[in-house]
Amino acid sequence: MTSLMAGKVVVVTGAGGGIGRDIALAMARDGASVVINDLGASLSGEGADQTTAHKVVAEIVAAGGSAIASTESVASWESASRIIATAVDTFGRIDVLVNNAGILRDRFFFNMSVEEWQSVIDVHLHGSFFMSRAAAPHFRKQGSGAVVSMTSTSGLIGNFGQANYMAAKLGIAGLSRSIALDMAKFGVRSNCIAPFAWSRMIGAIPTDTPDQVERVARLKTMESAKIAPLAVYLGSDLAAQVTGQIFGVRANEIFLFSQPRPVRSVHDARGWTPERIAQHAMPALQAQFTPLERSQDVFCWDPV
């Protein structure tokens, strides 16, 4: 073990497997005391298995680390508050929150049910807000803290059949930015990671077409453990000046994502009419339109 995170207390949601588990293990190896939060639900958010979180705790303890399990859901204010209370009551403080818990309910927008929409928003977006909001008073009192939230290129760029997931993940990017702005004066940082990695969630991608088969084959080469070093860095004092950013990790690559800014403007001193917009404004702006691309169209090269 190293001492990079020594004395720090970290809460990782969705830490029972995949990316969350690898982040929790890495935090513990670097000296943190870790709350392993996982409801043990299925990929679609159904059911619960309380052994999931306890297995990761056992791994950490067996390696000489410090950890405790939490099997609460992030999707309600009351249970999210209890997750944060577990950290404070057990270890005396909270220094880092990793918002990683998530589910999938993929379906094309025109067929998506209200329940499929709501359930994904509840876990990803509402869960990230509830967890961050519950941690905020402790961060303010300490004058320090870090939030690391998982966004996705599905939200930042796009994908088929994921209106609920895309909206939630893009919302998380906005939430993270807001936390960074509102909490900066209290010494609190907030950043996002868009992870590329083979996991249980990614394993649900259908393989009905050659394009899907190729995408899944590429994703299988990306280890979830590759995400953990950046998460540990962002939670550590090494990242004291890094906040409000969106990063991506794909195998051995780290990306910094742009965030929306004006790219071009047009002006008419007379004011605009619909007709003049059609004749002049749109032709001038069209060259800068964002293409209707998916994540795999933008990240089209093999990971290295």
C-alpha atoms as a PDB file:
ATOM      1  CA  MET A   1       0.000   0.000   0.000  1.00  0.00           C
ATOM      2  CA  THR A   2       0.983   3.621  -0.558  1.00  0.00           C
ATOM      3  CA  SER A   3       0.026   6.679   1.471  1.00  0.00           C
ATOM      4  CA  LEU A   4      -1.416   8.939  -1.241  1.00  0.00           C
ATOM      5  CA  MET A   5      -4.901   8.663   0.304  1.00  0.00           C
ATOM      6  CA  ALA A   6      -3.797   8.017   3.892  1.00  0.00           C
ATOM      7  CA  GLY A   7      -6.243   9.479   6.416  1.00  0.00           C
ATOM      8  CA  LYS A   8      -8.905  10.069   3.795  1.00  0.00           C
ATOM      9  CA  VAL A   9     -12.377   8.520   3.836  1.00  0.00           C
ATOM     10  CA  VAL A  10     -13.916   7.644   0.490  1.00  0.00           C
ATOM     11  CA  VAL A  11     -17.452   6.619  -0.451  1.00  0.00           C
ATOM     12  CA  VAL A  12     -17.771   4.721  -3.728  1.00  0.00           C
ATOM     13  CA  THR A  13     -21.289   3.941  -4.954  1.00  0.00           C
ATOM     14  CA  GLY A  14     -21.882   0.947  -7.167  1.00  0.00           C
ATOM     15  CA  ALA A  15     -18.650  -0.491  -5.787  1.00  0.00           C
ATOM     16  CA  GLY A  16     -19.692  -4.133  -5.783  1.00  0.00           C
ATOM     17  CA  GLY A  17     -18.247  -4.837  -9.217  1.00  0.00           C
ATOM     18  CA  GLY A  18     -16.718  -3.438 -12.382  1.00  0.00           C
ATOM     19  CA  ILE A  19     -15.416   0.112 -12.409  1.00  0.00           C
ATOM     20  CA  GLY A  20     -16.671   0.916  -8.915  1.00  0.00           C
ATOM     21  CA  ARG A  21     -14.985  -2.113  -7.378  1.00  0.00           C
ATOM     22  CA  ASP A  22     -11.677  -1.305  -9.068  1.00  0.00           C
ATOM     23  CA  ILE A  23     -11.835   2.297  -7.865  1.00  0.00           C
ATOM     24  CA  ALA A  24     -12.620   1.188  -4.312  1.00  0.00           C
ATOM     25  CA  LEU A  25      -9.756  -1.314  -4.299  1.00  0.00           C
ATOM     26  CA  ALA A  26      -7.352   1.309  -5.652  1.00  0.00           C
ATOM     27  CA  MET A  27      -8.454   3.878  -3.065  1.00  0.00           C
ATOM     28  CA  ALA A  28      -7.862   1.322  -0.297  1.00  0.00           C
ATOM     29  CA  ARG A  29      -4.448   0.343  -1.686  1.00  0.00           C
ATOM     30  CA  ASP A  30      -3.490   3.997  -1.538  1.00  0.00           C
ATOM     31  CA  GLY A  31      -4.420   4.179   2.138  1.00  0.00           C
ATOM     32  CA  ALA A  32      -8.048   5.378   2.185  1.00  0.00           C
ATOM     33  CA  SER A  33     -10.795   4.009   4.400  1.00  0.00           C
ATOM     34  CA  VAL A  34     -13.591   3.116   1.988  1.00  0.00           C
ATOM     35  CA  VAL A  35     -17.359   2.786   2.223  1.00  0.00           C
ATOM     36  CA  ILE A  36     -18.342   0.127  -0.319  1.00  0.00           C
ATOM     37  CA  ASN A  37     -21.859   1.024  -1.372  1.00  0.00           C
ATOM     38  CA  ASP A  38     -23.791  -1.394  -3.544  1.00  0.00           C
ATOM     39  CA  LEU A  39     -27.419  -2.417  -3.436  1.00  0.00           C
ATOM     40  CA  GLY A  40     -26.575  -5.615  -5.281  1.00  0.00           C
ATOM     41  CA  ALA A  41     -29.335  -5.029  -7.818  1.00  0.00           C
ATOM     42  CA  SER A  42     -29.479  -6.413 -11.323  1.00  0.00           C
ATOM     43  CA  LEU A  43     -28.249  -4.377 -14.284  1.00  0.00           C
ATOM     44  CA  SER A  44     -31.806  -3.090 -14.753  1.00  0.00           C
ATOM     45  CA  GLY A  45     -32.029  -2.087 -11.087  1.00  0.00           C
ATOM     46  CA  GLU A  46     -34.165  -4.970  -9.875  1.00  0.00           C
ATOM     47  CA  GLY A  47     -33.617  -7.113  -6.779  1.00  0.00           C
ATOM     48  CA  ALA A  48     -30.849  -6.826  -4.198  1.00  0.00           C
ATOM     49  CA  ASP A  49     -27.908  -8.919  -3.039  1.00  0.00           C
ATOM     50  CA  GLN A  50     -26.309  -7.635   0.139  1.00  0.00           C
ATOM     51  CA  THR A  51     -23.343  -9.977  -0.215  1.00  0.00           C
ATOM     52  CA  THR A  52     -22.010  -7.996  -3.183  1.00  0.00           C
ATOM     53  CA  ALA A  53     -20.688  -5.073  -1.138  1.00  0.00           C
ATOM     54  CA  HIS A  54     -19.465  -7.319   1.679  1.00  0.00           C
ATOM     55  CA  LYS A  55     -17.316  -9.368  -0.724  1.00  0.00           C
ATOM     56  CA  VAL A  56     -15.396  -6.251  -1.765  1.00  0.00           C
ATOM     57  CA  VAL A  57     -14.984  -5.237   1.874  1.00  0.00           C
ATOM     58  CA  ALA A  58     -13.538  -8.682   2.574  1.00  0.00           C
ATOM     59  CA  GLU A  59     -11.023  -8.231  -0.262  1.00  0.00           C
ATOM     60  CA  ILE A  60      -9.865  -4.901   1.120  1.00  0.00           C
ATOM     61  CA  VAL A  61      -9.616  -6.117   4.698  1.00  0.00           C
ATOM     62  CA  ALA A  62      -7.739  -9.252   3.625  1.00  0.00           C
ATOM     63  CA  ALA A  63      -5.190  -6.991   1.923  1.00  0.00           C
ATOM     64  CA  GLY A  64      -4.730  -4.999   5.113  1.00  0.00           C
ATOM     65  CA  GLY A  65      -7.045  -2.123   4.239  1.00  0.00           C
ATOM     66  CA  SER A  66     -10.018  -0.506   5.954  1.00  0.00           C
ATOM     67  CA  ALA A  67     -13.550  -0.710   4.571  1.00  0.00           C
ATOM     68  CA  ILE A  68     -17.194  -1.049   5.530  1.00  0.00           C
ATOM     69  CA  ALA A  69     -20.214  -2.092   3.471  1.00  0.00           C
ATOM     70  CA  SER A  70     -23.345  -0.085   2.734  1.00  0.00           C
ATOM     71  CA  THR A  71     -26.268  -1.715   0.921  1.00  0.00           C
ATOM     72  CA  GLU A  72     -28.494   1.367   0.717  1.00  0.00           C
ATOM     73  CA  SER A  73     -29.901   2.762  -2.533  1.00  0.00           C
ATOM     74  CA  VAL A  74     -28.595   6.066  -3.891  1.00  0.00           C
ATOM     75  CA  ALA A  75     -31.974   6.767  -5.499  1.00  0.00           C
ATOM     76  CA  SER A  76     -33.666   8.397  -2.495  1.00  0.00           C
ATOM     77  CA  TRP A  77     -32.637  11.311  -0.309  1.00  0.00           C
ATOM     78  CA  GLU A  78     -33.116   9.367   2.913  1.00  0.00           C
ATOM     79  CA  SER A  79     -31.028   6.346   1.921  1.00  0.00           C
ATOM     80  CA  ALA A  80     -28.326   8.478   0.279  1.00  0.00           C
ATOM     81  CA  SER A  81     -28.038  10.447   3.501  1.00  0.00           C
ATOM     82  CA  ARG A  82     -27.588   7.188   5.407  1.00  0.00           C
ATOM     83  CA  ILE A  83     -24.735   6.176   3.090  1.00  0.00           C
ATOM     84  CA  ILE A  84     -22.850   9.380   3.887  1.00  0.00           C
ATOM     85  CA  ALA A  85     -23.702   8.960   7.586  1.00  0.00           C
ATOM     86  CA  THR A  86     -22.118   5.495   7.465  1.00  0.00           C
ATOM     87  CA  ALA A  87     -18.812   7.081   6.462  1.00  0.00           C
ATOM     88  CA  VAL A  88     -18.958   9.831   9.071  1.00  0.00           C
ATOM     89  CA  ASP A  89     -20.195   7.594  11.890  1.00  0.00           C
ATOM     90  CA  THR A  90     -17.635   4.873  11.165  1.00  0.00           C
ATOM     91  CA  PHE A  91     -14.549   6.813  10.166  1.00  0.00           C
ATOM     92  CA  GLY A  92     -15.263  10.304  11.506  1.00  0.00           C
ATOM     93  CA  ARG A  93     -15.306  12.211   8.196  1.00  0.00           C
ATOM     94  CA  ILE A  94     -15.751  12.022   4.428  1.00  0.00           C
ATOM     95  CA  ASP A  95     -13.158  13.339   1.989  1.00  0.00           C
ATOM     96  CA  VAL A  96     -14.061  11.883  -1.400  1.00  0.00           C
ATOM     97  CA  LEU A  97     -17.341  10.829  -2.997  1.00  0.00           C
ATOM     98  CA  VAL A  98     -17.294   8.733  -6.171  1.00  0.00           C
ATOM     99  CA  ASN A  99     -20.719   8.736  -7.852  1.00  0.00           C
ATOM    100  CA  ASN A 100     -20.532   5.522  -9.849  1.00  0.00           C
ATOM    101  CA  ALA A 101     -23.807   3.630  -9.254  1.00  0.00           C
ATOM    102  CA  GLY A 102     -25.898   3.086 -12.350  1.00  0.00           C
ATOM    103  CA  ILE A 103     -28.428   0.949 -14.188  1.00  0.00           C
ATOM    104  CA  LEU A 104     -29.530   0.568 -17.795  1.00  0.00           C
ATOM    105  CA  ARG A 105     -33.004   0.415 -19.328  1.00  0.00           C
ATOM    106  CA  ASP A 106     -32.148   0.796 -23.023  1.00  0.00           C
ATOM    107  CA  ARG A 107     -34.938   1.237 -25.544  1.00  0.00           C
ATOM    108  CA  PHE A 108     -35.517   3.440 -28.557  1.00  0.00           C
ATOM    109  CA  PHE A 109     -37.092   6.730 -27.542  1.00  0.00           C
ATOM    110  CA  PHE A 110     -40.362   6.094 -29.338  1.00  0.00           C
ATOM    111  CA  ASN A 111     -40.852   2.881 -27.335  1.00  0.00           C
ATOM    112  CA  MET A 112     -39.426   3.984 -23.966  1.00  0.00           C
ATOM    113  CA  SER A 113     -41.845   3.749 -21.054  1.00  0.00           C
ATOM    114  CA  VAL A 114     -42.178   6.368 -18.343  1.00  0.00           C
ATOM    115  CA  GLU A 115     -40.912   3.821 -15.806  1.00  0.00           C
ATOM    116  CA  GLU A 116     -37.809   3.080 -17.916  1.00  0.00           C
ATOM    117  CA  TRP A 117     -37.105   6.794 -18.127  1.00  0.00           C
ATOM    118  CA  GLN A 118     -37.711   7.495 -14.444  1.00  0.00           C
ATOM    119  CA  SER A 119     -35.740   4.566 -13.036  1.00  0.00           C
ATOM    120  CA  VAL A 120     -32.535   5.482 -14.898  1.00  0.00           C
ATOM    121  CA  ILE A 121     -32.850   9.174 -14.035  1.00  0.00           C
ATOM    122  CA  ASP A 122     -33.457   8.240 -10.388  1.00  0.00           C
ATOM    123  CA  VAL A 123     -30.288   6.185 -10.004  1.00  0.00           C
ATOM    124  CA  HIS A 124     -27.854   8.172 -12.140  1.00  0.00           C
ATOM    125  CA  LEU A 125     -28.897  11.820 -11.893  1.00  0.00           C
ATOM    126  CA  HIS A 126     -30.994  11.956  -8.737  1.00  0.00           C
ATOM    127  CA  GLY A 127     -28.586   9.561  -7.033  1.00  0.00           C
ATOM    128  CA  SER A 128     -25.577  11.742  -7.875  1.00  0.00           C
ATOM    129  CA  PHE A 129     -27.407  14.807  -6.551  1.00  0.00           C
ATOM    130  CA  PHE A 130     -28.606  13.114  -3.354  1.00  0.00           C
ATOM    131  CA  MET A 131     -25.159  11.715  -2.562  1.00  0.00           C
ATOM    132  CA  SER A 132     -23.324  14.966  -3.336  1.00  0.00           C
ATOM    133  CA  ARG A 133     -25.861  17.060  -1.452  1.00  0.00           C
ATOM    134  CA  ALA A 134     -25.637  14.798   1.613  1.00  0.00           C
ATOM    135  CA  ALA A 135     -21.832  15.094   1.586  1.00  0.00           C
ATOM    136  CA  ALA A 136     -21.807  18.877   1.042  1.00  0.00           C
ATOM    137  CA  PRO A 137     -22.295  20.009   4.690  1.00  0.00           C
ATOM    138  CA  HIS A 138     -19.401  17.815   5.796  1.00  0.00           C
ATOM    139  CA  PHE A 139     -17.184  19.133   3.008  1.00  0.00           C
ATOM    140  CA  ARG A 140     -18.070  22.742   3.909  1.00  0.00           C
ATOM    141  CA  LYS A 141     -17.312  22.200   7.579  1.00  0.00           C
ATOM    142  CA  GLN A 142     -13.946  20.602   6.779  1.00  0.00           C
ATOM    143  CA  GLY A 143     -13.066  23.157   4.144  1.00  0.00           C
ATOM    144  CA  SER A 144     -12.141  20.368   1.757  1.00  0.00           C
ATOM    145  CA  GLY A 145     -13.547  17.525  -0.307  1.00  0.00           C
ATOM    146  CA  ALA A 146     -13.732  16.039  -3.768  1.00  0.00           C
ATOM    147  CA  VAL A 147     -16.579  14.670  -5.860  1.00  0.00           C
ATOM    148  CA  VAL A 148     -15.818  12.380  -8.801  1.00  0.00           C
ATOM    149  CA  SER A 149     -18.876  11.552 -10.904  1.00  0.00           C
ATOM    150  CA  MET A 150     -19.200   9.157 -13.813  1.00  0.00           C
ATOM    151  CA  THR A 151     -20.590  10.636 -16.992  1.00  0.00           C
ATOM    152  CA  SER A 152     -20.533   8.878 -20.388  1.00  0.00           C
ATOM    153  CA  THR A 153     -19.768   9.602 -24.010  1.00  0.00           C
ATOM    154  CA  SER A 154     -23.305   8.358 -24.635  1.00  0.00           C
ATOM    155  CA  GLY A 155     -24.435  11.599 -23.014  1.00  0.00           C
ATOM    156  CA  LEU A 156     -21.576  13.827 -24.129  1.00  0.00           C
ATOM    157  CA  ILE A 157     -21.751  12.651 -27.753  1.00  0.00           C
ATOM    158  CA  GLY A 158     -24.663  10.271 -28.311  1.00  0.00           C
ATOM    159  CA  ASN A 159     -25.878   6.723 -28.841  1.00  0.00           C
ATOM    160  CA  PHE A 160     -28.929   4.862 -30.070  1.00  0.00           C
ATOM    161  CA  GLY A 161     -31.693   3.719 -27.727  1.00  0.00           C
ATOM    162  CA  GLN A 162     -30.451   5.503 -24.599  1.00  0.00           C
ATOM    163  CA  ALA A 163     -32.519   8.671 -24.156  1.00  0.00           C
ATOM    164  CA  ASN A 164     -32.818   8.045 -20.410  1.00  0.00           C
ATOM    165  CA  TYR A 165     -29.127   7.219 -19.923  1.00  0.00           C
ATOM    166  CA  MET A 166     -27.948  10.034 -22.206  1.00  0.00           C
ATOM    167  CA  ALA A 167     -30.084  12.627 -20.418  1.00  0.00           C
ATOM    168  CA  ALA A 168     -28.896  11.419 -17.016  1.00  0.00           C
ATOM    169  CA  LYS A 169     -25.221  11.346 -17.946  1.00  0.00           C
ATOM    170  CA  LEU A 170     -25.275  14.776 -19.587  1.00  0.00           C
ATOM    171  CA  GLY A 171     -27.184  16.032 -16.549  1.00  0.00           C
ATOM    172  CA  ILE A 172     -24.430  14.669 -14.310  1.00  0.00           C
ATOM    173  CA  ALA A 173     -21.879  16.739 -16.247  1.00  0.00           C
ATOM    174  CA  GLY A 174     -23.958  19.846 -15.541  1.00  0.00           C
ATOM    175  CA  LEU A 175     -24.428  18.876 -11.902  1.00  0.00           C
ATOM    176  CA  SER A 176     -20.680  18.364 -11.494  1.00  0.00           C
ATOM    177  CA  ARG A 177     -19.975  21.783 -12.997  1.00  0.00           C
ATOM    178  CA  SER A 178     -22.475  23.401 -10.654  1.00  0.00           C
ATOM    179  CA  ILE A 179     -20.912  21.704  -7.613  1.00  0.00           C
ATOM    180  CA  ALA A 180     -17.485  22.917  -8.745  1.00  0.00           C
ATOM    181  CA  LEU A 181     -18.746  26.505  -9.019  1.00  0.00           C
ATOM    182  CA  ASP A 182     -20.810  26.588  -5.824  1.00  0.00           C
ATOM    183  CA  MET A 183     -18.331  24.747  -3.597  1.00  0.00           C
ATOM    184  CA  ALA A 184     -15.014  26.228  -4.781  1.00  0.00           C
ATOM    185  CA  LYS A 185     -14.956  28.805  -1.983  1.00  0.00           C
ATOM    186  CA  PHE A 186     -15.093  25.944   0.516  1.00  0.00           C
ATOM    187  CA  GLY A 187     -12.114  24.141  -1.006  1.00  0.00           C
ATOM    188  CA  VAL A 188     -14.301  21.475  -2.622  1.00  0.00           C
ATOM    189  CA  ARG A 189     -13.608  20.135  -6.111  1.00  0.00           C
ATOM    190  CA  SER A 190     -15.861  18.316  -8.566  1.00  0.00           C
ATOM    191  CA  ASN A 191     -14.900  16.542 -11.784  1.00  0.00           C
ATOM    192  CA  CYS A 192     -16.336  13.941 -14.151  1.00  0.00           C
ATOM    193  CA  ILE A 193     -14.915  10.830 -15.772  1.00  0.00           C
ATOM    194  CA  ALA A 194     -16.359   9.279 -18.923  1.00  0.00           C
ATOM    195  CA  PRO A 195     -15.071   5.706 -18.678  1.00  0.00           C
ATOM    196  CA  PHE A 196     -14.482   3.322 -21.556  1.00  0.00           C
ATOM    197  CA  ALA A 197     -14.303  -0.163 -20.042  1.00  0.00           C
ATOM    198  CA  TRP A 198     -15.766  -3.631 -20.291  1.00  0.00           C
ATOM    199  CA  SER A 199     -18.180  -4.100 -17.400  1.00  0.00           C
ATOM    200  CA  ARG A 200     -21.497  -5.701 -16.533  1.00  0.00           C
ATOM    201  CA  MET A 201     -23.282  -2.583 -17.769  1.00  0.00           C
ATOM    202  CA  ILE A 202     -21.454  -2.523 -21.094  1.00  0.00           C
ATOM    203  CA  GLY A 203     -22.022  -6.271 -21.366  1.00  0.00           C
ATOM    204  CA  ALA A 204     -25.709  -5.561 -21.922  1.00  0.00           C
ATOM    205  CA  ILE A 205     -25.038  -3.969 -25.311  1.00  0.00           C
ATOM    206  CA  PRO A 206     -26.775  -6.089 -27.968  1.00  0.00           C
ATOM    207  CA  THR A 207     -24.714  -7.847 -30.627  1.00  0.00           C
ATOM    208  CA  ASP A 208     -27.366  -8.169 -33.315  1.00  0.00           C
ATOM    209  CA  THR A 209     -25.481  -6.332 -36.053  1.00  0.00           C
ATOM    210  CA  PRO A 210     -21.873  -6.378 -37.323  1.00  0.00           C
ATOM    211  CA  ASP A 211     -21.455  -2.813 -36.033  1.00  0.00           C
ATOM    212  CA  GLN A 212     -22.523  -3.877 -32.535  1.00  0.00           C
ATOM    213  CA  VAL A 213     -20.275  -6.940 -32.630  1.00  0.00           C
ATOM    214  CA  GLU A 214     -17.300  -4.771 -33.581  1.00  0.00           C
ATOM    215  CA  ARG A 215     -18.081  -2.238 -30.845  1.00  0.00           C
ATOM    216  CA  VAL A 216     -18.352  -4.906 -28.144  1.00  0.00           C
ATOM    217  CA  ALA A 217     -15.129  -6.571 -29.312  1.00  0.00           C
ATOM    218  CA  ARG A 218     -13.329  -3.227 -28.982  1.00  0.00           C
ATOM    219  CA  LEU A 219     -14.800  -2.590 -25.527  1.00  0.00           C
ATOM    220  CA  LYS A 220     -13.702  -6.006 -24.294  1.00  0.00           C
ATOM    221  CA  THR A 221     -10.078  -4.930 -24.693  1.00  0.00           C
ATOM    222  CA  MET A 222     -10.549  -2.100 -22.190  1.00  0.00           C
ATOM    223  CA  GLU A 223      -9.984  -3.096 -18.568  1.00  0.00           C
ATOM    224  CA  SER A 224     -12.144  -1.445 -15.922  1.00  0.00           C
ATOM    225  CA  ALA A 225      -9.089  -1.188 -13.633  1.00  0.00           C
ATOM    226  CA  LYS A 226      -7.632   1.394 -16.043  1.00  0.00           C
ATOM    227  CA  ILE A 227     -10.203   3.933 -14.800  1.00  0.00           C
ATOM    228  CA  ALA A 228      -9.103   3.745 -11.169  1.00  0.00           C
ATOM    229  CA  PRO A 229      -5.801   5.711 -11.288  1.00  0.00           C
ATOM    230  CA  LEU A 230      -7.533   8.843 -12.569  1.00  0.00           C
ATOM    231  CA  ALA A 231     -10.279   8.534  -9.941  1.00  0.00           C
ATOM    232  CA  VAL A 232      -7.657   8.201  -7.187  1.00  0.00           C
ATOM    233  CA  TYR A 233      -5.719  11.162  -8.580  1.00  0.00           C
ATOM    234  CA  LEU A 234      -8.841  13.358  -8.691  1.00  0.00           C
ATOM    235  CA  GLY A 235      -9.639  12.448  -5.101  1.00  0.00           C
ATOM    236  CA  SER A 236      -6.127  13.129  -3.869  1.00  0.00           C
ATOM    237  CA  ASP A 237      -4.360  16.342  -2.901  1.00  0.00           C
ATOM    238  CA  LEU A 238      -2.347  16.062  -6.118  1.00  0.00           C
ATOM    239  CA  ALA A 239      -5.450  17.368  -7.934  1.00  0.00           C
ATOM    240  CA  ALA A 240      -5.909  20.375  -5.635  1.00  0.00           C
ATOM    241  CA  GLN A 241      -6.146  22.752  -8.616  1.00  0.00           C
ATOM    242  CA  VAL A 242      -8.309  20.544 -10.850  1.00  0.00           C
ATOM    243  CA  THR A 243     -12.052  21.147 -10.778  1.00  0.00           C
ATOM    244  CA  GLY A 244     -15.007  21.545 -13.128  1.00  0.00           C
ATOM    245  CA  GLN A 245     -13.458  19.308 -15.797  1.00  0.00           C
ATOM    246  CA  ILE A 246     -14.621  16.294 -17.802  1.00  0.00           C
ATOM    247  CA  PHE A 247     -12.081  13.564 -18.488  1.00  0.00           C
ATOM    248  CA  GLY A 248     -12.237  10.304 -20.380  1.00  0.00           C
ATOM    249  CA  VAL A 249     -10.225   7.137 -19.896  1.00  0.00           C
ATOM    250  CA  ARG A 250      -9.918   4.504 -22.615  1.00  0.00           C
ATOM    251  CA  ALA A 251      -7.324   1.800 -21.904  1.00  0.00           C
ATOM    252  CA  ASN A 252      -4.058   3.783 -21.636  1.00  0.00           C
ATOM    253  CA  GLU A 253      -5.496   7.013 -23.047  1.00  0.00           C
ATOM    254  CA  ILE A 254      -6.734   9.971 -20.996  1.00  0.00           C
ATOM    255  CA  PHE A 255      -8.887  12.612 -22.682  1.00  0.00           C
ATOM    256  CA  LEU A 256      -9.977  16.087 -21.674  1.00  0.00           C
ATOM    257  CA  PHE A 257     -13.391  16.911 -23.131  1.00  0.00           C
ATOM    258  CA  SER A 258     -14.418  20.327 -24.375  1.00  0.00           C
ATOM    259  CA  GLN A 259     -17.486  21.912 -22.813  1.00  0.00           C
ATOM    260  CA  PRO A 260     -20.124  23.923 -24.705  1.00  0.00           C
ATOM    261  CA  ARG A 261     -18.996  27.365 -25.792  1.00  0.00           C
ATOM    262  CA  PRO A 262     -20.176  29.584 -28.678  1.00  0.00           C
ATOM    263  CA  VAL A 263     -18.472  28.589 -31.918  1.00  0.00           C
ATOM    264  CA  ARG A 264     -19.885  31.206 -34.318  1.00  0.00           C
ATOM    265  CA  SER A 265     -22.353  34.104 -34.383  1.00  0.00           C
ATOM    266  CA  VAL A 266     -24.311  36.064 -36.966  1.00  0.00           C
ATOM    267  CA  HIS A 267     -25.740  39.572 -36.683  1.00  0.00           C
ATOM    268  CA  ASP A 268     -28.435  41.563 -38.446  1.00  0.00           C
ATOM    269  CA  ALA A 269     -28.888  45.193 -37.348  1.00  0.00           C
ATOM    270  CA  ARG A 270     -32.513  45.087 -38.500  1.00  0.00           C
ATOM    271  CA  GLY A 271     -33.300  42.140 -36.232  1.00  0.00           C
ATOM    272  CA  TRP A 272     -34.085  38.681 -37.496  1.00  0.00           C
ATOM    273  CA  THR A 273     -37.162  37.367 -39.223  1.00  0.00           C
ATOM    274  CA  PRO A 274     -37.788  33.669 -39.845  1.00  0.00           C
ATOM    275  CA  GLU A 275     -37.183  34.286 -43.545  1.00  0.00           C
ATOM    276  CA  ARG A 276     -33.837  36.060 -43.042  1.00  0.00           C
ATOM    277  CA  ILE A 277     -32.790  33.362 -40.588  1.00  0.00           C
ATOM    278  CA  ALA A 278     -33.468  30.779 -43.300  1.00  0.00           C
ATOM    279  CA  GLN A 279     -31.729  32.799 -46.004  1.00  0.00           C
ATOM    280  CA  HIS A 280     -28.697  34.116 -44.132  1.00  0.00           C
ATOM    281  CA  ALA A 281     -28.272  32.933 -40.522  1.00  0.00           C
ATOM    282  CA  MET A 282     -28.557  29.188 -40.990  1.00  0.00           C
ATOM    283  CA  PRO A 283     -26.317  28.996 -44.091  1.00  0.00           C
ATOM    284  CA  ALA A 284     -23.648  30.944 -42.198  1.00  0.00           C
ATOM    285  CA  LEU A 285     -23.951  28.786 -39.060  1.00  0.00           C
ATOM    286  CA  GLN A 286     -24.390  25.430 -40.750  1.00  0.00           C
ATOM    287  CA  ALA A 287     -20.699  24.807 -41.324  1.00  0.00           C
ATOM    288  CA  GLN A 288     -20.268  24.697 -37.536  1.00  0.00           C
ATOM    289  CA  PHE A 289     -23.205  22.377 -36.820  1.00  0.00           C
ATOM    290  CA  THR A 290     -22.364  19.415 -34.591  1.00  0.00           C
ATOM    291  CA  PRO A 291     -22.754  16.225 -36.655  1.00  0.00           C
ATOM    292  CA  LEU A 292     -25.359  13.671 -35.576  1.00  0.00           C
ATOM    293  CA  GLU A 293     -22.705  11.224 -34.420  1.00  0.00           C
ATOM    294  CA  ARG A 294     -22.533   8.456 -31.857  1.00  0.00           C
ATOM    295  CA  SER A 295     -19.734   7.822 -29.411  1.00  0.00           C
ATOM    296  CA  GLN A 296     -18.262   5.055 -31.568  1.00  0.00           C
ATOM    297  CA  ASP A 297     -18.224   7.373 -34.602  1.00  0.00           C
ATOM    298  CA  VAL A 298     -16.014   9.845 -32.762  1.00  0.00           C
ATOM    299  CA  PHE A 299     -13.837   7.278 -30.964  1.00  0.00           C
ATOM    300  CA  CYS A 300     -13.367   5.192 -34.084  1.00  0.00           C
ATOM    301  CA  TRP A 301      -9.778   4.037 -33.565  1.00  0.00           C
ATOM    302  CA  ASP A 302      -8.716   1.025 -31.540  1.00  0.00           C
ATOM    303  CA  PRO A 303      -7.729   1.658 -27.920  1.00  0.00           C
ATOM    304  CA  VAL A 304      -4.034   1.539 -27.166  1.00  0.00           C
END
